[in-house]
């Protein structure tokens, strides 16, 4: 595994600690993370929410930023909310579906 893959795994591990307060499941297993990029100290997260206009958007953004700032060499975190492709339960991991009783 090269350093890039290792750092990607570290970023995902941090994001797995971010629990959606409404669904009580982490944002990685919910399938909300669409992309991660690390460049010169800045992590850019492309993510979505389960619904547009989600009332906890700001709270989730704050939690994402705090979780990734724990990593060495991360000086800034930018969260880019995207709405295409639209999120659906098909993006959820098997674990998340079981945790939410959707299996």
PDB file of N, CA and C in Angstrom:
ATOM      1  N   UNK A   1       0.850  -1.174   0.000  1.00  0.00           N
ATOM      2  CA  UNK A   1       0.000   0.000   0.000  1.00  0.00           C
ATOM      3  C   UNK A   1       0.897   1.238   0.000  1.00  0.00           C
ATOM      4  N   UNK A   2       0.685   2.140  -0.934  1.00  0.00           N
ATOM      5  CA  UNK A   2       1.514   3.340  -0.970  1.00  0.00           C
ATOM      6  C   UNK A   2       0.998   4.381   0.026  1.00  0.00           C
ATOM      7  N   UNK A   3       1.746   5.475   0.183  1.00  0.00           N
ATOM      8  CA  UNK A   3       1.402   6.500   1.167  1.00  0.00           C
ATOM      9  C   UNK A   3       0.057   7.152   0.885  1.00  0.00           C
ATOM     10  N   UNK A   4      -0.272   7.337  -0.395  1.00  0.00           N
ATOM     11  CA  UNK A   4      -1.544   7.968  -0.746  1.00  0.00           C
ATOM     12  C   UNK A   4      -2.710   7.098  -0.296  1.00  0.00           C
ATOM     13  N   UNK A   5      -2.633   5.794  -0.588  1.00  0.00           N
ATOM     14  CA  UNK A   5      -3.696   4.875  -0.178  1.00  0.00           C
ATOM     15  C   UNK A   5      -3.808   4.845   1.334  1.00  0.00           C
ATOM     16  N   UNK A   6      -2.667   4.828   2.021  1.00  0.00           N
ATOM     17  CA  UNK A   6      -2.645   4.804   3.474  1.00  0.00           C
ATOM     18  C   UNK A   6      -3.305   6.062   4.039  1.00  0.00           C
ATOM     19  N   UNK A   7      -2.988   7.232   3.472  1.00  0.00           N
ATOM     20  CA  UNK A   7      -3.570   8.468   3.965  1.00  0.00           C
ATOM     21  C   UNK A   7      -5.069   8.513   3.666  1.00  0.00           C
ATOM     22  N   UNK A   8      -5.480   7.996   2.517  1.00  0.00           N
ATOM     23  CA  UNK A   8      -6.910   7.914   2.201  1.00  0.00           C
ATOM     24  C   UNK A   8      -7.634   7.071   3.253  1.00  0.00           C
ATOM     25  N   UNK A   9      -7.018   5.961   3.635  1.00  0.00           N
ATOM     26  CA  UNK A   9      -7.616   5.095   4.659  1.00  0.00           C
ATOM     27  C   UNK A   9      -7.686   5.815   6.005  1.00  0.00           C
ATOM     28  N   UNK A  10      -6.656   6.598   6.331  1.00  0.00           N
ATOM     29  CA  UNK A  10      -6.661   7.364   7.576  1.00  0.00           C
ATOM     30  C   UNK A  10      -7.782   8.411   7.561  1.00  0.00           C
ATOM     31  N   UNK A  11      -7.970   9.070   6.426  1.00  0.00           N
ATOM     32  CA  UNK A  11      -9.041  10.057   6.326  1.00  0.00           C
ATOM     33  C   UNK A  11     -10.401   9.386   6.505  1.00  0.00           C
ATOM     34  N   UNK A  12     -10.606   8.239   5.854  1.00  0.00           N
ATOM     35  CA  UNK A  12     -11.874   7.524   5.990  1.00  0.00           C
ATOM     36  C   UNK A  12     -12.094   7.057   7.426  1.00  0.00           C
ATOM     37  N   UNK A  13     -11.018   6.620   8.085  1.00  0.00           N
ATOM     38  CA  UNK A  13     -11.132   6.190   9.484  1.00  0.00           C
ATOM     39  C   UNK A  13     -11.580   7.354  10.367  1.00  0.00           C
ATOM     40  N   UNK A  14     -11.057   8.547  10.117  1.00  0.00           N
ATOM     41  CA  UNK A  14     -11.494   9.730  10.867  1.00  0.00           C
ATOM     42  C   UNK A  14     -12.967  10.014  10.607  1.00  0.00           C
ATOM     43  N   UNK A  15     -13.369   9.918   9.358  1.00  0.00           N
ATOM     44  CA  UNK A  15     -14.749  10.229   8.996  1.00  0.00           C
ATOM     45  C   UNK A  15     -15.738   9.181   9.512  1.00  0.00           C
ATOM     46  N   UNK A  16     -15.266   7.965   9.739  1.00  0.00           N
ATOM     47  CA  UNK A  16     -16.135   6.937  10.315  1.00  0.00           C
ATOM     48  C   UNK A  16     -16.512   7.266  11.757  1.00  0.00           C
ATOM     49  N   UNK A  17     -15.800   8.205  12.372  1.00  0.00           N
ATOM     50  CA  UNK A  17     -16.117   8.637  13.737  1.00  0.00           C
ATOM     51  C   UNK A  17     -17.190   9.727  13.740  1.00  0.00           C
ATOM     52  N   UNK A  18     -17.529  10.241  12.558  1.00  0.00           N
ATOM     53  CA  UNK A  18     -18.556  11.278  12.453  1.00  0.00           C
ATOM     54  C   UNK A  18     -19.911  10.581  12.314  1.00  0.00           C
ATOM     55  N   UNK A  19     -20.709  10.710  13.355  1.00  0.00           N
ATOM     56  CA  UNK A  19     -22.006  10.038  13.412  1.00  0.00           C
ATOM     57  C   UNK A  19     -23.109  11.025  13.055  1.00  0.00           C
ATOM     58  N   UNK A  20     -23.936  10.645  12.092  1.00  0.00           N
ATOM     59  CA  UNK A  20     -25.091  11.461  11.738  1.00  0.00           C
ATOM     60  C   UNK A  20     -26.022  11.456  12.956  1.00  0.00           C
ATOM     61  N   UNK A  21     -26.274  12.630  13.549  1.00  0.00           N
ATOM     62  CA  UNK A  21     -27.081  12.680  14.766  1.00  0.00           C
ATOM     63  C   UNK A  21     -28.523  12.189  14.584  1.00  0.00           C
ATOM     64  N   UNK A  22     -29.043  12.275  13.385  1.00  0.00           N
ATOM     65  CA  UNK A  22     -30.417  11.833  13.156  1.00  0.00           C
ATOM     66  C   UNK A  22     -30.517  10.325  12.929  1.00  0.00           C
ATOM     67  N   UNK A  23     -29.560   9.771  12.190  1.00  0.00           N
ATOM     68  CA  UNK A  23     -29.621   8.348  11.847  1.00  0.00           C
ATOM     69  C   UNK A  23     -28.775   7.469  12.766  1.00  0.00           C
ATOM     70  N   UNK A  24     -27.896   8.084  13.555  1.00  0.00           N
ATOM     71  CA  UNK A  24     -27.028   7.358  14.492  1.00  0.00           C
ATOM     72  C   UNK A  24     -26.153   6.321  13.790  1.00  0.00           C
ATOM     73  N   UNK A  25     -25.649   6.705  12.635  1.00  0.00           N
ATOM     74  CA  UNK A  25     -24.732   5.861  11.871  1.00  0.00           C
ATOM     75  C   UNK A  25     -23.675   6.782  11.278  1.00  0.00           C
ATOM     76  N   UNK A  26     -22.474   6.256  11.048  1.00  0.00           N
ATOM     77  CA  UNK A  26     -21.404   7.123  10.548  1.00  0.00           C
ATOM     78  C   UNK A  26     -21.603   7.488   9.081  1.00  0.00           C
ATOM     79  N   UNK A  27     -21.038   8.634   8.720  1.00  0.00           N
ATOM     80  CA  UNK A  27     -21.264   9.185   7.376  1.00  0.00           C
ATOM     81  C   UNK A  27     -20.594   8.382   6.269  1.00  0.00           C
ATOM     82  N   UNK A  28     -19.556   7.613   6.595  1.00  0.00           N
ATOM     83  CA  UNK A  28     -18.904   6.780   5.576  1.00  0.00           C
ATOM     84  C   UNK A  28     -19.820   5.613   5.215  1.00  0.00           C
ATOM     85  N   UNK A  29     -20.309   4.900   6.223  1.00  0.00           N
ATOM     86  CA  UNK A  29     -21.185   3.757   5.963  1.00  0.00           C
ATOM     87  C   UNK A  29     -22.538   4.176   5.412  1.00  0.00           C
ATOM     88  N   UNK A  30     -22.947   5.400   5.705  1.00  0.00           N
ATOM     89  CA  UNK A  30     -24.188   5.910   5.106  1.00  0.00           C
ATOM     90  C   UNK A  30     -24.013   6.225   3.622  1.00  0.00           C
ATOM     91  N   UNK A  31     -22.765   6.273   3.164  1.00  0.00           N
ATOM     92  CA  UNK A  31     -22.502   6.555   1.750  1.00  0.00           C
ATOM     93  C   UNK A  31     -22.563   8.035   1.418  1.00  0.00           C
ATOM     94  N   UNK A  32     -22.318   8.889   2.411  1.00  0.00           N
ATOM     95  CA  UNK A  32     -22.399  10.331   2.192  1.00  0.00           C
ATOM     96  C   UNK A  32     -21.108  10.925   1.639  1.00  0.00           C
ATOM     97  N   UNK A  33     -19.998  10.185   1.726  1.00  0.00           N
ATOM     98  CA  UNK A  33     -18.713  10.687   1.226  1.00  0.00           C
ATOM     99  C   UNK A  33     -18.564  10.295  -0.235  1.00  0.00           C
ATOM    100  N   UNK A  34     -18.459  11.310  -1.100  1.00  0.00           N
ATOM    101  CA  UNK A  34     -18.328  11.071  -2.534  1.00  0.00           C
ATOM    102  C   UNK A  34     -16.878  11.166  -2.998  1.00  0.00           C
ATOM    103  N   UNK A  35     -16.049  11.921  -2.270  1.00  0.00           N
ATOM    104  CA  UNK A  35     -14.656  12.046  -2.689  1.00  0.00           C
ATOM    105  C   UNK A  35     -13.818  12.746  -1.641  1.00  0.00           C
ATOM    106  N   UNK A  36     -12.522  12.410  -1.628  1.00  0.00           N
ATOM    107  CA  UNK A  36     -11.546  13.014  -0.729  1.00  0.00           C
ATOM    108  C   UNK A  36     -10.311  13.381  -1.532  1.00  0.00           C
ATOM    109  N   UNK A  37      -9.760  14.558  -1.240  1.00  0.00           N
ATOM    110  CA  UNK A  37      -8.535  14.974  -1.905  1.00  0.00           C
ATOM    111  C   UNK A  37      -7.652  15.672  -0.879  1.00  0.00           C
ATOM    112  N   UNK A  38      -6.373  15.365  -0.908  1.00  0.00           N
ATOM    113  CA  UNK A  38      -5.412  16.016  -0.025  1.00  0.00           C
ATOM    114  C   UNK A  38      -4.347  16.666  -0.889  1.00  0.00           C
ATOM    115  N   UNK A  39      -4.164  17.975  -0.703  1.00  0.00           N
ATOM    116  CA  UNK A  39      -3.186  18.706  -1.500  1.00  0.00           C
ATOM    117  C   UNK A  39      -2.583  19.829  -0.663  1.00  0.00           C
ATOM    118  N   UNK A  40      -1.295  19.723  -0.401  1.00  0.00           N
ATOM    119  CA  UNK A  40      -0.547  20.768   0.309  1.00  0.00           C
ATOM    120  C   UNK A  40      -1.203  21.174   1.619  1.00  0.00           C
ATOM    121  N   UNK A  41      -1.573  20.194   2.410  1.00  0.00           N
ATOM    122  CA  UNK A  41      -2.133  20.460   3.725  1.00  0.00           C
ATOM    123  C   UNK A  41      -3.633  20.636   3.768  1.00  0.00           C
ATOM    124  N   UNK A  42      -4.272  20.730   2.614  1.00  0.00           N
ATOM    125  CA  UNK A  42      -5.718  20.948   2.570  1.00  0.00           C
ATOM    126  C   UNK A  42      -6.445  19.678   2.143  1.00  0.00           C
ATOM    127  N   UNK A  43      -7.409  19.285   2.942  1.00  0.00           N
ATOM    128  CA  UNK A  43      -8.287  18.176   2.585  1.00  0.00           C
ATOM    129  C   UNK A  43      -9.573  18.778   2.042  1.00  0.00           C
ATOM    130  N   UNK A  44      -9.983  18.315   0.877  1.00  0.00           N
ATOM    131  CA  UNK A  44     -11.267  18.695   0.326  1.00  0.00           C
ATOM    132  C   UNK A  44     -12.157  17.461   0.348  1.00  0.00           C
ATOM    133  N   UNK A  45     -13.297  17.602   0.989  1.00  0.00           N
ATOM    134  CA  UNK A  45     -14.255  16.508   1.112  1.00  0.00           C
ATOM    135  C   UNK A  45     -15.454  16.819   0.229  1.00  0.00           C
ATOM    136  N   UNK A  46     -15.754  15.921  -0.678  1.00  0.00           N
ATOM    137  CA  UNK A  46     -16.998  16.019  -1.442  1.00  0.00           C
ATOM    138  C   UNK A  46     -17.974  15.082  -0.770  1.00  0.00           C
ATOM    139  N   UNK A  47     -19.065  15.653  -0.296  1.00  0.00           N
ATOM    140  CA  UNK A  47     -20.049  14.821   0.380  1.00  0.00           C
ATOM    141  C   UNK A  47     -21.446  15.318   0.072  1.00  0.00           C
ATOM    142  N   UNK A  48     -22.408  14.488   0.410  1.00  0.00           N
ATOM    143  CA  UNK A  48     -23.803  14.851   0.238  1.00  0.00           C
ATOM    144  C   UNK A  48     -24.515  14.628   1.553  1.00  0.00           C
ATOM    145  N   UNK A  49     -25.772  14.883   1.566  1.00  0.00           N
ATOM    146  CA  UNK A  49     -26.620  14.635   2.725  1.00  0.00           C
ATOM    147  C   UNK A  49     -27.788  13.775   2.269  1.00  0.00           C
ATOM    148  N   UNK A  50     -28.478  13.194   3.221  1.00  0.00           N
ATOM    149  CA  UNK A  50     -29.580  12.310   2.853  1.00  0.00           C
ATOM    150  C   UNK A  50     -30.729  13.092   2.222  1.00  0.00           C
ATOM    151  N   UNK A  51     -30.853  14.383   2.571  1.00  0.00           N
ATOM    152  CA  UNK A  51     -31.877  15.232   1.966  1.00  0.00           C
ATOM    153  C   UNK A  51     -31.326  16.640   1.770  1.00  0.00           C
ATOM    154  N   UNK A  52     -31.744  17.295   0.703  1.00  0.00           N
ATOM    155  CA  UNK A  52     -31.384  18.703   0.511  1.00  0.00           C
ATOM    156  C   UNK A  52     -32.037  19.521   1.623  1.00  0.00           C
ATOM    157  N   UNK A  53     -31.346  20.552   2.064  1.00  0.00           N
ATOM    158  CA  UNK A  53     -31.890  21.394   3.116  1.00  0.00           C
ATOM    159  C   UNK A  53     -31.882  20.733   4.475  1.00  0.00           C
ATOM    160  N   UNK A  54     -31.032  19.724   4.624  1.00  0.00           N
ATOM    161  CA  UNK A  54     -30.925  18.998   5.887  1.00  0.00           C
ATOM    162  C   UNK A  54     -30.601  19.988   7.015  1.00  0.00           C
ATOM    163  N   UNK A  55     -31.364  19.968   8.106  1.00  0.00           N
ATOM    164  CA  UNK A  55     -31.170  20.949   9.170  1.00  0.00           C
ATOM    165  C   UNK A  55     -29.842  20.808   9.927  1.00  0.00           C
ATOM    166  N   UNK A  56     -29.170  19.673   9.779  1.00  0.00           N
ATOM    167  CA  UNK A  56     -27.909  19.487  10.509  1.00  0.00           C
ATOM    168  C   UNK A  56     -26.685  19.650   9.601  1.00  0.00           C
ATOM    169  N   UNK A  57     -26.870  20.269   8.451  1.00  0.00           N
ATOM    170  CA  UNK A  57     -25.768  20.449   7.498  1.00  0.00           C
ATOM    171  C   UNK A  57     -24.569  21.139   8.151  1.00  0.00           C
ATOM    172  N   UNK A  58     -24.790  22.241   8.835  1.00  0.00           N
ATOM    173  CA  UNK A  58     -23.697  22.970   9.473  1.00  0.00           C
ATOM    174  C   UNK A  58     -23.017  22.157  10.553  1.00  0.00           C
ATOM    175  N   UNK A  59     -23.802  21.413  11.321  1.00  0.00           N
ATOM    176  CA  UNK A  59     -23.257  20.571  12.384  1.00  0.00           C
ATOM    177  C   UNK A  59     -22.383  19.466  11.799  1.00  0.00           C
ATOM    178  N   UNK A  60     -22.848  18.821  10.738  1.00  0.00           N
ATOM    179  CA  UNK A  60     -22.053  17.767  10.094  1.00  0.00           C
ATOM    180  C   UNK A  60     -20.773  18.336   9.498  1.00  0.00           C
ATOM    181  N   UNK A  61     -20.860  19.503   8.875  1.00  0.00           N
ATOM    182  CA  UNK A  61     -19.666  20.127   8.307  1.00  0.00           C
ATOM    183  C   UNK A  61     -18.628  20.389   9.405  1.00  0.00           C
ATOM    184  N   UNK A  62     -19.070  20.898  10.526  1.00  0.00           N
ATOM    185  CA  UNK A  62     -18.178  21.171  11.658  1.00  0.00           C
ATOM    186  C   UNK A  62     -17.535  19.870  12.168  1.00  0.00           C
ATOM    187  N   UNK A  63     -18.321  18.802  12.279  1.00  0.00           N
ATOM    188  CA  UNK A  63     -17.806  17.519  12.760  1.00  0.00           C
ATOM    189  C   UNK A  63     -16.794  16.938  11.778  1.00  0.00           C
ATOM    190  N   UNK A  64     -17.061  17.053  10.478  1.00  0.00           N
ATOM    191  CA  UNK A  64     -16.132  16.563   9.454  1.00  0.00           C
ATOM    192  C   UNK A  64     -14.802  17.305   9.559  1.00  0.00           C
ATOM    193  N   UNK A  65     -14.870  18.617   9.646  1.00  0.00           N
ATOM    194  CA  UNK A  65     -13.638  19.419   9.740  1.00  0.00           C
ATOM    195  C   UNK A  65     -12.838  19.054  10.982  1.00  0.00           C
ATOM    196  N   UNK A  66     -13.499  18.946  12.126  1.00  0.00           N
ATOM    197  CA  UNK A  66     -12.794  18.608  13.357  1.00  0.00           C
ATOM    198  C   UNK A  66     -12.160  17.227  13.300  1.00  0.00           C
ATOM    199  N   UNK A  67     -12.851  16.264  12.698  1.00  0.00           N
ATOM    200  CA  UNK A  67     -12.308  14.903  12.650  1.00  0.00           C
ATOM    201  C   UNK A  67     -11.043  14.838  11.789  1.00  0.00           C
ATOM    202  N   UNK A  68     -11.036  15.527  10.665  1.00  0.00           N
ATOM    203  CA  UNK A  68      -9.883  15.458   9.754  1.00  0.00           C
ATOM    204  C   UNK A  68      -8.705  16.312  10.232  1.00  0.00           C
ATOM    205  N   UNK A  69      -8.981  17.336  11.011  1.00  0.00           N
ATOM    206  CA  UNK A  69      -7.890  18.171  11.539  1.00  0.00           C
ATOM    207  C   UNK A  69      -7.012  17.413  12.522  1.00  0.00           C
ATOM    208  N   UNK A  70      -7.458  16.271  12.981  1.00  0.00           N
ATOM    209  CA  UNK A  70      -6.663  15.447  13.897  1.00  0.00           C
ATOM    210  C   UNK A  70      -5.480  14.789  13.182  1.00  0.00           C
ATOM    211  N   UNK A  71      -5.545  14.695  11.869  1.00  0.00           N
ATOM    212  CA  UNK A  71      -4.480  14.032  11.106  1.00  0.00           C
ATOM    213  C   UNK A  71      -3.256  14.929  10.974  1.00  0.00           C
ATOM    214  N   UNK A  72      -2.068  14.318  11.017  1.00  0.00           N
ATOM    215  CA  UNK A  72      -0.853  15.113  10.809  1.00  0.00           C
ATOM    216  C   UNK A  72      -0.829  15.697   9.400  1.00  0.00           C
ATOM    217  N   UNK A  73      -0.249  16.854   9.266  1.00  0.00           N
ATOM    218  CA  UNK A  73      -0.085  17.544   7.982  1.00  0.00           C
ATOM    219  C   UNK A  73      -1.362  18.162   7.433  1.00  0.00           C
ATOM    220  N   UNK A  74      -2.493  18.026   8.135  1.00  0.00           N
ATOM    221  CA  UNK A  74      -3.735  18.656   7.675  1.00  0.00           C
ATOM    222  C   UNK A  74      -3.822  20.030   8.325  1.00  0.00           C
ATOM    223  N   UNK A  75      -3.818  21.064   7.482  1.00  0.00           N
ATOM    224  CA  UNK A  75      -3.889  22.424   7.993  1.00  0.00           C
ATOM    225  C   UNK A  75      -5.244  23.076   7.719  1.00  0.00           C
ATOM    226  N   UNK A  76      -5.953  22.553   6.728  1.00  0.00           N
ATOM    227  CA  UNK A  76      -7.261  23.116   6.386  1.00  0.00           C
ATOM    228  C   UNK A  76      -8.159  22.009   5.849  1.00  0.00           C
ATOM    229  N   UNK A  77      -9.445  22.138   6.140  1.00  0.00           N
ATOM    230  CA  UNK A  77     -10.428  21.182   5.620  1.00  0.00           C
ATOM    231  C   UNK A  77     -11.544  21.982   4.974  1.00  0.00           C
ATOM    232  N   UNK A  78     -11.834  21.634   3.742  1.00  0.00           N
ATOM    233  CA  UNK A  78     -12.928  22.272   3.011  1.00  0.00           C
ATOM    234  C   UNK A  78     -13.973  21.203   2.696  1.00  0.00           C
ATOM    235  N   UNK A  79     -15.230  21.521   2.958  1.00  0.00           N
ATOM    236  CA  UNK A  79     -16.321  20.586   2.688  1.00  0.00           C
ATOM    237  C   UNK A  79     -17.148  21.140   1.540  1.00  0.00           C
ATOM    238  N   UNK A  80     -17.249  20.334   0.491  1.00  0.00           N
ATOM    239  CA  UNK A  80     -18.000  20.706  -0.698  1.00  0.00           C
ATOM    240  C   UNK A  80     -19.237  19.808  -0.769  1.00  0.00           C
ATOM    241  N   UNK A  81     -20.410  20.382  -0.474  1.00  0.00           N
ATOM    242  CA  UNK A  81     -21.645  19.606  -0.546  1.00  0.00           C
ATOM    243  C   UNK A  81     -22.099  19.522  -1.994  1.00  0.00           C
ATOM    244  N   UNK A  82     -22.361  18.299  -2.432  1.00  0.00           N
ATOM    245  CA  UNK A  82     -22.806  18.059  -3.807  1.00  0.00           C
ATOM    246  C   UNK A  82     -24.153  17.331  -3.773  1.00  0.00           C
ATOM    247  N   UNK A  83     -24.924  17.540  -4.808  1.00  0.00           N
ATOM    248  CA  UNK A  83     -26.268  16.947  -4.836  1.00  0.00           C
ATOM    249  C   UNK A  83     -26.460  15.999  -6.021  1.00  0.00           C
ATOM    250  N   UNK A  84     -25.420  15.857  -6.846  1.00  0.00           N
ATOM    251  CA  UNK A  84     -25.458  14.932  -7.975  1.00  0.00           C
ATOM    252  C   UNK A  84     -24.254  14.015  -7.897  1.00  0.00           C
ATOM    253  N   UNK A  85     -24.397  12.730  -7.947  1.00  0.00           N
ATOM    254  CA  UNK A  85     -25.679  12.049  -8.010  1.00  0.00           C
ATOM    255  C   UNK A  85     -26.405  12.138  -6.665  1.00  0.00           C
ATOM    256  N   UNK A  86     -27.704  12.109  -6.723  1.00  0.00           N
ATOM    257  CA  UNK A  86     -28.513  12.179  -5.511  1.00  0.00           C
ATOM    258  C   UNK A  86     -28.248  10.958  -4.637  1.00  0.00           C
ATOM    259  N   UNK A  87     -28.242  11.174  -3.342  1.00  0.00           N
ATOM    260  CA  UNK A  87     -28.035  10.074  -2.399  1.00  0.00           C
ATOM    261  C   UNK A  87     -29.261   9.178  -2.378  1.00  0.00           C
ATOM    262  N   UNK A  88     -29.027   7.881  -2.229  1.00  0.00           N
ATOM    263  CA  UNK A  88     -30.116   6.920  -2.018  1.00  0.00           C
ATOM    264  C   UNK A  88     -29.603   5.836  -1.078  1.00  0.00           C
ATOM    265  N   UNK A  89     -30.505   5.036  -0.559  1.00  0.00           N
ATOM    266  CA  UNK A  89     -30.079   3.988   0.372  1.00  0.00           C
ATOM    267  C   UNK A  89     -29.169   2.962  -0.295  1.00  0.00           C
ATOM    268  N   UNK A  90     -29.134   2.927  -1.607  1.00  0.00           N
ATOM    269  CA  UNK A  90     -28.245   2.017  -2.320  1.00  0.00           C
ATOM    270  C   UNK A  90     -26.771   2.340  -2.057  1.00  0.00           C
ATOM    271  N   UNK A  91     -26.472   3.574  -1.645  1.00  0.00           N
ATOM    272  CA  UNK A  91     -25.095   3.978  -1.356  1.00  0.00           C
ATOM    273  C   UNK A  91     -24.643   3.499   0.025  1.00  0.00           C
ATOM    274  N   UNK A  92     -25.578   3.066   0.854  1.00  0.00           N
ATOM    275  CA  UNK A  92     -25.247   2.639   2.214  1.00  0.00           C
ATOM    276  C   UNK A  92     -24.546   1.285   2.197  1.00  0.00           C
ATOM    277  N   UNK A  93     -23.632   1.122   3.149  1.00  0.00           N
ATOM    278  CA  UNK A  93     -22.968  -0.179   3.296  1.00  0.00           C
ATOM    279  C   UNK A  93     -23.954  -1.183   3.897  1.00  0.00           C
ATOM    280  N   UNK A  94     -23.602  -2.420   3.790  1.00  0.00           N
ATOM    281  CA  UNK A  94     -24.413  -3.488   4.390  1.00  0.00           C
ATOM    282  C   UNK A  94     -24.550  -3.250   5.894  1.00  0.00           C
ATOM    283  N   UNK A  95     -23.444  -2.826   6.515  1.00  0.00           N
ATOM    284  CA  UNK A  95     -23.442  -2.532   7.949  1.00  0.00           C
ATOM    285  C   UNK A  95     -24.496  -1.467   8.293  1.00  0.00           C
ATOM    286  N   UNK A  96     -24.510  -0.364   7.540  1.00  0.00           N
ATOM    287  CA  UNK A  96     -25.458   0.717   7.812  1.00  0.00           C
ATOM    288  C   UNK A  96     -26.893   0.249   7.615  1.00  0.00           C
ATOM    289  N   UNK A  97     -27.137  -0.518   6.564  1.00  0.00           N
ATOM    290  CA  UNK A  97     -28.485  -1.018   6.316  1.00  0.00           C
ATOM    291  C   UNK A  97     -28.943  -1.916   7.463  1.00  0.00           C
ATOM    292  N   UNK A  98     -28.047  -2.757   7.959  1.00  0.00           N
ATOM    293  CA  UNK A  98     -28.403  -3.622   9.087  1.00  0.00           C
ATOM    294  C   UNK A  98     -28.641  -2.795  10.349  1.00  0.00           C
ATOM    295  N   UNK A  99     -27.780  -1.783  10.595  1.00  0.00           N
ATOM    296  CA  UNK A  99     -27.908  -0.953  11.787  1.00  0.00           C
ATOM    297  C   UNK A  99     -29.231  -0.192  11.788  1.00  0.00           C
ATOM    298  N   UNK A 100     -29.716   0.155  10.605  1.00  0.00           N
ATOM    299  CA  UNK A 100     -30.959   0.909  10.498  1.00  0.00           C
ATOM    300  C   UNK A 100     -32.172   0.019  10.221  1.00  0.00           C
ATOM    301  N   UNK A 101     -31.951  -1.296  10.234  1.00  0.00           N
ATOM    302  CA  UNK A 101     -33.043  -2.229  10.028  1.00  0.00           C
ATOM    303  C   UNK A 101     -33.563  -2.291   8.604  1.00  0.00           C
ATOM    304  N   UNK A 102     -32.691  -2.021   7.633  1.00  0.00           N
ATOM    305  CA  UNK A 102     -33.091  -2.007   6.221  1.00  0.00           C
ATOM    306  C   UNK A 102     -32.567  -3.207   5.423  1.00  0.00           C
ATOM    307  N   UNK A 103     -32.027  -4.195   6.068  1.00  0.00           N
ATOM    308  CA  UNK A 103     -31.397  -5.317   5.365  1.00  0.00           C
ATOM    309  C   UNK A 103     -32.350  -6.229   4.722  1.00  0.00           C
TER     310      UNK A 103
END
